[in-house]
Amino acid sequence: MVEVELKLDEKGRGAFYAKEGNERLGEMQIAISGTDLTVFHTEVLEKAEGKGVATKMLETMITYARSHHLMVIPLCPYVNAQFKRHPENYQDVWKKKVSG
């Protein structure tokens, strides 16, 4: 069973790590600043692709953002694509770009 854990440094940078046992299957790199959670990159090992690992990290990140009242800036292509495909699921945490 895949488990996801968050590790952050003192500056609010880190990642959600997907693991099965002692093996790391993927990571979602993030940074937290103020009320913003920026997602930079999501990566899953080739052997774990198509098994819901990225989705599990996304769900964990969204739950974390909601519980900590953070707005998500989806710079990561995967997260951005999921937000655009299912905006109704993420509208409460999606910080869309402000033009100006």
N, C-alpha and C. Protein backbone atom coordinates (compact mmCIF):
# COMPACT_ATOMS: atom_id res chain seq x y z
N MET A 1 0.83 -1.19 0.00
CA MET A 1 0.00 0.00 0.00
C MET A 1 0.88 1.25 0.00
N VAL A 2 0.54 2.18 -0.87
CA VAL A 2 1.32 3.42 -0.99
C VAL A 2 0.93 4.39 0.12
N GLU A 3 1.95 4.92 0.77
CA GLU A 3 1.76 5.94 1.80
C GLU A 3 2.45 7.21 1.35
N VAL A 4 1.87 8.35 1.69
CA VAL A 4 2.44 9.64 1.31
C VAL A 4 2.76 10.42 2.57
N GLU A 5 3.98 10.95 2.62
CA GLU A 5 4.38 11.78 3.76
C GLU A 5 4.99 13.07 3.26
N LEU A 6 4.84 14.11 4.06
CA LEU A 6 5.37 15.43 3.73
C LEU A 6 6.61 15.67 4.57
N LYS A 7 7.65 16.14 3.90
CA LYS A 7 8.86 16.57 4.60
C LYS A 7 9.18 17.98 4.13
N LEU A 8 9.29 18.90 5.10
CA LEU A 8 9.60 20.30 4.81
C LEU A 8 10.83 20.73 5.59
N ASP A 9 11.62 21.63 4.99
CA ASP A 9 12.74 22.20 5.73
C ASP A 9 12.26 23.46 6.45
N GLU A 10 13.17 24.12 7.13
CA GLU A 10 12.80 25.29 7.93
C GLU A 10 12.33 26.47 7.08
N LYS A 11 12.62 26.44 5.78
CA LYS A 11 12.19 27.52 4.88
C LYS A 11 10.87 27.20 4.18
N GLY A 12 10.26 26.06 4.52
CA GLY A 12 8.98 25.70 3.92
C GLY A 12 9.10 25.03 2.57
N ARG A 13 10.29 24.51 2.27
CA ARG A 13 10.49 23.80 1.00
C ARG A 13 10.63 22.32 1.27
N GLY A 14 10.12 21.53 0.35
CA GLY A 14 10.22 20.09 0.53
C GLY A 14 9.38 19.35 -0.48
N ALA A 15 8.81 18.24 -0.04
CA ALA A 15 8.05 17.41 -0.98
C ALA A 15 7.13 16.47 -0.24
N PHE A 16 6.10 16.05 -0.97
CA PHE A 16 5.28 14.92 -0.56
C PHE A 16 5.95 13.70 -1.19
N TYR A 17 6.28 12.71 -0.39
CA TYR A 17 6.95 11.51 -0.88
C TYR A 17 6.00 10.33 -0.82
N ALA A 18 5.90 9.62 -1.94
CA ALA A 18 5.09 8.40 -1.99
C ALA A 18 6.02 7.22 -1.80
N LYS A 19 5.67 6.37 -0.82
CA LYS A 19 6.51 5.22 -0.51
C LYS A 19 5.65 3.98 -0.37
N GLU A 20 6.26 2.87 -0.70
CA GLU A 20 5.65 1.57 -0.43
C GLU A 20 6.71 0.77 0.31
N GLY A 21 6.47 0.55 1.59
CA GLY A 21 7.52 -0.03 2.43
C GLY A 21 8.63 0.98 2.56
N ASN A 22 9.85 0.57 2.27
CA ASN A 22 11.00 1.48 2.33
C ASN A 22 11.36 2.07 0.98
N GLU A 23 10.58 1.73 -0.04
CA GLU A 23 10.92 2.19 -1.40
C GLU A 23 10.15 3.46 -1.76
N ARG A 24 10.87 4.48 -2.18
CA ARG A 24 10.26 5.72 -2.64
C ARG A 24 9.82 5.54 -4.08
N LEU A 25 8.52 5.77 -4.33
CA LEU A 25 7.96 5.59 -5.67
C LEU A 25 7.76 6.90 -6.41
N GLY A 26 7.69 8.00 -5.66
CA GLY A 26 7.48 9.28 -6.32
C GLY A 26 7.61 10.42 -5.35
N GLU A 27 7.64 11.63 -5.92
CA GLU A 27 7.68 12.82 -5.09
C GLU A 27 7.01 13.98 -5.80
N MET A 28 6.45 14.88 -4.99
CA MET A 28 5.83 16.10 -5.47
C MET A 28 6.53 17.25 -4.75
N GLN A 29 7.33 18.00 -5.49
CA GLN A 29 8.13 19.07 -4.89
C GLN A 29 7.29 20.32 -4.71
N ILE A 30 7.36 20.87 -3.48
CA ILE A 30 6.54 22.03 -3.13
C ILE A 30 7.34 23.05 -2.34
N ALA A 31 6.74 24.22 -2.19
CA ALA A 31 7.25 25.25 -1.27
C ALA A 31 6.03 25.96 -0.69
N ILE A 32 6.11 26.29 0.59
CA ILE A 32 5.04 27.01 1.25
C ILE A 32 5.57 28.37 1.68
N SER A 33 4.83 29.41 1.29
CA SER A 33 5.21 30.77 1.65
C SER A 33 3.93 31.52 1.98
N GLY A 34 3.81 31.97 3.21
CA GLY A 34 2.59 32.65 3.63
C GLY A 34 1.40 31.70 3.51
N THR A 35 0.41 32.11 2.73
CA THR A 35 -0.77 31.27 2.53
C THR A 35 -0.75 30.55 1.17
N ASP A 36 0.41 30.52 0.52
CA ASP A 36 0.54 29.87 -0.78
C ASP A 36 1.34 28.57 -0.67
N LEU A 37 0.85 27.55 -1.35
CA LEU A 37 1.57 26.29 -1.50
C LEU A 37 1.82 26.15 -3.00
N THR A 38 3.08 26.25 -3.40
CA THR A 38 3.44 26.15 -4.81
C THR A 38 3.92 24.73 -5.10
N VAL A 39 3.35 24.12 -6.14
CA VAL A 39 3.78 22.79 -6.57
C VAL A 39 4.63 22.98 -7.82
N PHE A 40 5.89 22.51 -7.74
CA PHE A 40 6.82 22.71 -8.83
C PHE A 40 6.92 21.51 -9.78
N HIS A 41 6.90 20.32 -9.21
CA HIS A 41 7.21 19.15 -10.04
C HIS A 41 6.66 17.90 -9.36
N THR A 42 6.12 17.00 -10.19
CA THR A 42 5.68 15.69 -9.70
C THR A 42 6.37 14.63 -10.54
N GLU A 43 6.92 13.65 -9.85
CA GLU A 43 7.63 12.59 -10.56
C GLU A 43 7.32 11.25 -9.92
N VAL A 44 7.10 10.24 -10.76
CA VAL A 44 6.82 8.88 -10.30
C VAL A 44 7.78 7.94 -11.03
N LEU A 45 8.34 6.98 -10.29
CA LEU A 45 9.22 6.00 -10.92
C LEU A 45 8.48 5.28 -12.04
N GLU A 46 9.21 4.96 -13.09
CA GLU A 46 8.60 4.31 -14.26
C GLU A 46 7.82 3.05 -13.88
N LYS A 47 8.37 2.26 -12.98
CA LYS A 47 7.70 1.01 -12.61
C LYS A 47 6.41 1.22 -11.82
N ALA A 48 6.21 2.45 -11.31
CA ALA A 48 5.00 2.74 -10.53
C ALA A 48 3.99 3.56 -11.33
N GLU A 49 4.31 3.89 -12.58
CA GLU A 49 3.40 4.68 -13.40
C GLU A 49 2.11 3.92 -13.65
N GLY A 50 1.00 4.66 -13.69
CA GLY A 50 -0.29 4.06 -13.97
C GLY A 50 -0.92 3.33 -12.79
N LYS A 51 -0.34 3.49 -11.61
CA LYS A 51 -0.85 2.80 -10.43
C LYS A 51 -1.46 3.75 -9.41
N GLY A 52 -1.69 4.99 -9.81
CA GLY A 52 -2.34 5.95 -8.93
C GLY A 52 -1.44 6.65 -7.94
N VAL A 53 -0.13 6.53 -8.11
CA VAL A 53 0.81 7.14 -7.16
C VAL A 53 0.72 8.67 -7.22
N ALA A 54 0.72 9.23 -8.42
CA ALA A 54 0.64 10.69 -8.55
C ALA A 54 -0.70 11.19 -8.01
N THR A 55 -1.76 10.46 -8.27
CA THR A 55 -3.08 10.84 -7.77
C THR A 55 -3.10 10.84 -6.24
N LYS A 56 -2.48 9.86 -5.64
CA LYS A 56 -2.42 9.76 -4.17
C LYS A 56 -1.66 10.97 -3.60
N MET A 57 -0.55 11.36 -4.25
CA MET A 57 0.19 12.53 -3.79
C MET A 57 -0.64 13.80 -3.96
N LEU A 58 -1.35 13.90 -5.08
CA LEU A 58 -2.21 15.06 -5.34
C LEU A 58 -3.29 15.16 -4.27
N GLU A 59 -3.95 14.06 -3.98
CA GLU A 59 -5.02 14.06 -2.96
C GLU A 59 -4.47 14.44 -1.59
N THR A 60 -3.30 13.93 -1.26
CA THR A 60 -2.69 14.25 0.04
C THR A 60 -2.33 15.73 0.11
N MET A 61 -1.77 16.26 -0.98
CA MET A 61 -1.40 17.68 -1.02
C MET A 61 -2.63 18.56 -0.89
N ILE A 62 -3.72 18.21 -1.57
CA ILE A 62 -4.95 19.00 -1.51
C ILE A 62 -5.53 18.96 -0.09
N THR A 63 -5.54 17.81 0.53
CA THR A 63 -6.03 17.69 1.91
C THR A 63 -5.20 18.56 2.84
N TYR A 64 -3.88 18.53 2.65
CA TYR A 64 -2.98 19.36 3.47
C TYR A 64 -3.28 20.84 3.25
N ALA A 65 -3.42 21.24 1.99
CA ALA A 65 -3.68 22.65 1.68
C ALA A 65 -4.99 23.10 2.33
N ARG A 66 -6.02 22.29 2.22
CA ARG A 66 -7.31 22.66 2.81
C ARG A 66 -7.22 22.76 4.33
N SER A 67 -6.57 21.80 4.95
CA SER A 67 -6.53 21.80 6.41
C SER A 67 -5.65 22.91 6.97
N HIS A 68 -4.73 23.44 6.15
CA HIS A 68 -3.87 24.53 6.59
C HIS A 68 -4.25 25.88 5.95
N HIS A 69 -5.41 25.91 5.29
CA HIS A 69 -5.94 27.13 4.67
C HIS A 69 -4.94 27.75 3.71
N LEU A 70 -4.39 26.91 2.83
CA LEU A 70 -3.41 27.36 1.83
C LEU A 70 -4.05 27.37 0.45
N MET A 71 -3.55 28.26 -0.40
CA MET A 71 -3.96 28.31 -1.80
C MET A 71 -2.84 27.69 -2.63
N VAL A 72 -3.22 26.85 -3.59
CA VAL A 72 -2.25 26.11 -4.38
C VAL A 72 -1.95 26.83 -5.69
N ILE A 73 -0.66 26.99 -5.96
CA ILE A 73 -0.18 27.54 -7.23
C ILE A 73 0.39 26.35 -8.01
N PRO A 74 -0.34 25.86 -9.03
CA PRO A 74 0.06 24.64 -9.72
C PRO A 74 1.03 24.88 -10.88
N LEU A 75 2.30 25.10 -10.58
CA LEU A 75 3.30 25.27 -11.64
C LEU A 75 3.66 23.93 -12.28
N CYS A 76 3.47 22.87 -11.56
CA CYS A 76 3.74 21.52 -12.06
C CYS A 76 2.74 21.19 -13.18
N PRO A 77 3.23 20.72 -14.34
CA PRO A 77 2.32 20.39 -15.44
C PRO A 77 1.25 19.37 -15.06
N TYR A 78 1.59 18.36 -14.28
CA TYR A 78 0.62 17.34 -13.88
C TYR A 78 -0.49 17.94 -13.02
N VAL A 79 -0.11 18.69 -11.99
CA VAL A 79 -1.10 19.28 -11.09
C VAL A 79 -1.94 20.30 -11.85
N ASN A 80 -1.31 21.11 -12.68
CA ASN A 80 -2.04 22.11 -13.46
C ASN A 80 -3.06 21.43 -14.38
N ALA A 81 -2.67 20.33 -15.01
CA ALA A 81 -3.59 19.59 -15.88
C ALA A 81 -4.78 19.04 -15.10
N GLN A 82 -4.53 18.51 -13.91
CA GLN A 82 -5.62 17.98 -13.09
C GLN A 82 -6.57 19.09 -12.66
N PHE A 83 -6.02 20.25 -12.29
CA PHE A 83 -6.85 21.39 -11.90
C PHE A 83 -7.74 21.82 -13.07
N LYS A 84 -7.17 21.87 -14.28
CA LYS A 84 -7.93 22.30 -15.45
C LYS A 84 -8.97 21.27 -15.86
N ARG A 85 -8.66 19.99 -15.69
CA ARG A 85 -9.61 18.92 -16.03
C ARG A 85 -10.78 18.84 -15.07
N HIS A 86 -10.51 19.13 -13.81
CA HIS A 86 -11.53 18.98 -12.76
C HIS A 86 -11.60 20.24 -11.88
N PRO A 87 -11.88 21.39 -12.47
CA PRO A 87 -11.85 22.63 -11.68
C PRO A 87 -12.82 22.63 -10.50
N GLU A 88 -13.93 21.91 -10.63
CA GLU A 88 -14.91 21.86 -9.55
C GLU A 88 -14.34 21.20 -8.29
N ASN A 89 -13.33 20.35 -8.45
CA ASN A 89 -12.72 19.67 -7.30
C ASN A 89 -11.70 20.53 -6.57
N TYR A 90 -11.20 21.56 -7.25
CA TYR A 90 -10.07 22.31 -6.69
C TYR A 90 -10.30 23.81 -6.59
N GLN A 91 -11.49 24.30 -6.98
CA GLN A 91 -11.71 25.74 -7.03
C GLN A 91 -11.48 26.43 -5.68
N ASP A 92 -11.70 25.71 -4.58
CA ASP A 92 -11.53 26.32 -3.26
C ASP A 92 -10.07 26.51 -2.86
N VAL A 93 -9.15 25.82 -3.54
CA VAL A 93 -7.73 25.95 -3.19
C VAL A 93 -6.86 26.41 -4.36
N TRP A 94 -7.45 26.61 -5.52
CA TRP A 94 -6.69 26.96 -6.73
C TRP A 94 -6.45 28.45 -6.77
N LYS A 95 -5.19 28.84 -6.67
CA LYS A 95 -4.83 30.26 -6.80
C LYS A 95 -4.46 30.50 -8.25
N LYS A 96 -5.39 31.07 -8.97
CA LYS A 96 -5.17 31.33 -10.38
C LYS A 96 -4.34 32.60 -10.52
N LYS A 97 -3.60 32.68 -11.62
CA LYS A 97 -2.74 33.83 -11.84
C LYS A 97 -3.57 35.11 -11.89
N VAL A 98 -3.02 36.13 -11.27
CA VAL A 98 -3.66 37.44 -11.30
C VAL A 98 -2.92 38.26 -12.34
N SER A 99 -3.65 38.73 -13.33
CA SER A 99 -2.99 39.53 -14.38
C SER A 99 -2.71 40.93 -13.84
N GLY A 100 -1.63 41.49 -14.36
CA GLY A 100 -1.31 42.82 -13.89
C GLY A 100 0.06 43.11 -14.01
